[in-house]
């Protein structure tokens, strides 16, 4: 029996000796947690010039938005008049 096996055996023996604890605190609750902002969020990755990113960050800060929210808001403003075909 090598050293690794001895360590594993001791660990298993220690687990067997310990009394099992009953989990006495809550657990998951229906409806708990952060609610999603968007119905079907999709990750989008793209590159942009640094100066444009800095302008976006300033625009977002002025409106108390994070960058993702700022990008969504900017795209909504740009596409207000665009109609998606059925």
C-alpha atoms as a PDB file:
ATOM      1  CA  UNK A   1       0.000   0.000   0.000  1.00  0.00           C
ATOM      2  CA  UNK A   2       1.539   3.304  -1.038  1.00  0.00           C
ATOM      3  CA  UNK A   3       1.268   6.633   0.775  1.00  0.00           C
ATOM      4  CA  UNK A   4      -1.572   7.886  -1.416  1.00  0.00           C
ATOM      5  CA  UNK A   5      -3.676   4.809  -0.654  1.00  0.00           C
ATOM      6  CA  UNK A   6      -3.016   5.220   3.083  1.00  0.00           C
ATOM      7  CA  UNK A   7      -4.215   8.833   2.956  1.00  0.00           C
ATOM      8  CA  UNK A   8      -7.379   7.808   1.122  1.00  0.00           C
ATOM      9  CA  UNK A   9      -8.037   5.015   3.608  1.00  0.00           C
ATOM     10  CA  UNK A  10      -7.617   7.352   6.599  1.00  0.00           C
ATOM     11  CA  UNK A  11      -9.923   9.865   4.994  1.00  0.00           C
ATOM     12  CA  UNK A  12     -12.604   7.252   4.441  1.00  0.00           C
ATOM     13  CA  UNK A  13     -12.250   5.992   8.013  1.00  0.00           C
ATOM     14  CA  UNK A  14     -12.584   9.530   9.363  1.00  0.00           C
ATOM     15  CA  UNK A  15     -15.756  10.058   7.341  1.00  0.00           C
ATOM     16  CA  UNK A  16     -17.245   6.846   8.706  1.00  0.00           C
ATOM     17  CA  UNK A  17     -16.501   7.846  12.311  1.00  0.00           C
ATOM     18  CA  UNK A  18     -18.096  11.279  12.011  1.00  0.00           C
ATOM     19  CA  UNK A  19     -21.799  11.396  12.827  1.00  0.00           C
ATOM     20  CA  UNK A  20     -23.872  12.628   9.922  1.00  0.00           C
ATOM     21  CA  UNK A  21     -25.225  16.103  10.421  1.00  0.00           C
ATOM     22  CA  UNK A  22     -28.756  16.894   9.517  1.00  0.00           C
ATOM     23  CA  UNK A  23     -28.907  20.014   7.403  1.00  0.00           C
ATOM     24  CA  UNK A  24     -31.053  22.187   9.640  1.00  0.00           C
ATOM     25  CA  UNK A  25     -31.062  25.386   7.616  1.00  0.00           C
ATOM     26  CA  UNK A  26     -33.351  26.224   4.715  1.00  0.00           C
ATOM     27  CA  UNK A  27     -32.382  25.350   1.223  1.00  0.00           C
ATOM     28  CA  UNK A  28     -33.578  26.576  -2.114  1.00  0.00           C
ATOM     29  CA  UNK A  29     -36.868  28.418  -2.114  1.00  0.00           C
ATOM     30  CA  UNK A  30     -39.262  28.849  -5.019  1.00  0.00           C
ATOM     31  CA  UNK A  31     -38.995  32.334  -6.504  1.00  0.00           C
ATOM     32  CA  UNK A  32     -35.694  33.094  -4.759  1.00  0.00           C
ATOM     33  CA  UNK A  33     -32.819  34.722  -6.566  1.00  0.00           C
ATOM     34  CA  UNK A  34     -32.305  37.523  -9.020  1.00  0.00           C
ATOM     35  CA  UNK A  35     -35.012  37.881 -11.642  1.00  0.00           C
ATOM     36  CA  UNK A  36     -33.821  38.011 -15.275  1.00  0.00           C
ATOM     37  CA  UNK A  37     -33.828  41.432 -16.947  1.00  0.00           C
ATOM     38  CA  UNK A  38     -34.459  40.058 -20.400  1.00  0.00           C
ATOM     39  CA  UNK A  39     -36.798  37.309 -21.481  1.00  0.00           C
ATOM     40  CA  UNK A  40     -34.289  35.458 -23.663  1.00  0.00           C
ATOM     41  CA  UNK A  41     -30.783  36.857 -23.080  1.00  0.00           C
ATOM     42  CA  UNK A  42     -28.093  35.919 -25.602  1.00  0.00           C
ATOM     43  CA  UNK A  43     -24.359  36.448 -25.182  1.00  0.00           C
ATOM     44  CA  UNK A  44     -22.797  38.544 -27.927  1.00  0.00           C
ATOM     45  CA  UNK A  45     -19.064  39.093 -28.261  1.00  0.00           C
ATOM     46  CA  UNK A  46     -17.536  41.721 -30.530  1.00  0.00           C
ATOM     47  CA  UNK A  47     -14.594  44.078 -30.811  1.00  0.00           C
ATOM     48  CA  UNK A  48     -14.837  47.860 -30.824  1.00  0.00           C
ATOM     49  CA  UNK A  49     -12.382  50.754 -30.858  1.00  0.00           C
ATOM     50  CA  UNK A  50     -11.165  51.820 -27.418  1.00  0.00           C
ATOM     51  CA  UNK A  51     -12.299  55.440 -27.872  1.00  0.00           C
ATOM     52  CA  UNK A  52     -15.832  54.242 -28.657  1.00  0.00           C
ATOM     53  CA  UNK A  53     -15.798  52.012 -25.579  1.00  0.00           C
ATOM     54  CA  UNK A  54     -14.767  54.969 -23.437  1.00  0.00           C
ATOM     55  CA  UNK A  55     -17.617  57.064 -24.854  1.00  0.00           C
ATOM     56  CA  UNK A  56     -20.035  54.193 -24.198  1.00  0.00           C
ATOM     57  CA  UNK A  57     -18.827  53.945 -20.598  1.00  0.00           C
ATOM     58  CA  UNK A  58     -19.328  57.681 -20.051  1.00  0.00           C
ATOM     59  CA  UNK A  59     -22.808  57.512 -21.620  1.00  0.00           C
ATOM     60  CA  UNK A  60     -23.668  54.512 -19.423  1.00  0.00           C
ATOM     61  CA  UNK A  61     -22.404  56.215 -16.248  1.00  0.00           C
ATOM     62  CA  UNK A  62     -24.485  59.312 -16.976  1.00  0.00           C
ATOM     63  CA  UNK A  63     -27.579  57.105 -17.129  1.00  0.00           C
ATOM     64  CA  UNK A  64     -26.624  54.805 -14.235  1.00  0.00           C
ATOM     65  CA  UNK A  65     -26.373  51.780 -16.568  1.00  0.00           C
ATOM     66  CA  UNK A  66     -23.759  49.071 -16.904  1.00  0.00           C
ATOM     67  CA  UNK A  67     -22.170  48.533 -20.323  1.00  0.00           C
ATOM     68  CA  UNK A  68     -24.514  45.714 -21.333  1.00  0.00           C
ATOM     69  CA  UNK A  69     -27.558  47.778 -20.462  1.00  0.00           C
ATOM     70  CA  UNK A  70     -26.099  50.770 -22.312  1.00  0.00           C
ATOM     71  CA  UNK A  71     -25.500  48.718 -25.451  1.00  0.00           C
ATOM     72  CA  UNK A  72     -29.053  47.322 -25.348  1.00  0.00           C
ATOM     73  CA  UNK A  73     -30.476  50.835 -24.843  1.00  0.00           C
ATOM     74  CA  UNK A  74     -28.377  52.268 -27.696  1.00  0.00           C
ATOM     75  CA  UNK A  75     -29.459  49.498 -30.072  1.00  0.00           C
ATOM     76  CA  UNK A  76     -33.111  49.987 -29.089  1.00  0.00           C
ATOM     77  CA  UNK A  77     -32.797  53.699 -29.880  1.00  0.00           C
ATOM     78  CA  UNK A  78     -31.144  52.959 -33.232  1.00  0.00           C
ATOM     79  CA  UNK A  79     -33.750  50.394 -34.247  1.00  0.00           C
ATOM     80  CA  UNK A  80     -36.985  52.075 -33.097  1.00  0.00           C
ATOM     81  CA  UNK A  81     -38.323  52.399 -36.643  1.00  0.00           C
ATOM     82  CA  UNK A  82     -37.087  49.037 -37.913  1.00  0.00           C
ATOM     83  CA  UNK A  83     -39.833  46.441 -38.282  1.00  0.00           C
ATOM     84  CA  UNK A  84     -38.976  42.765 -38.125  1.00  0.00           C
ATOM     85  CA  UNK A  85     -40.885  40.653 -40.687  1.00  0.00           C
ATOM     86  CA  UNK A  86     -43.037  37.819 -39.316  1.00  0.00           C
END
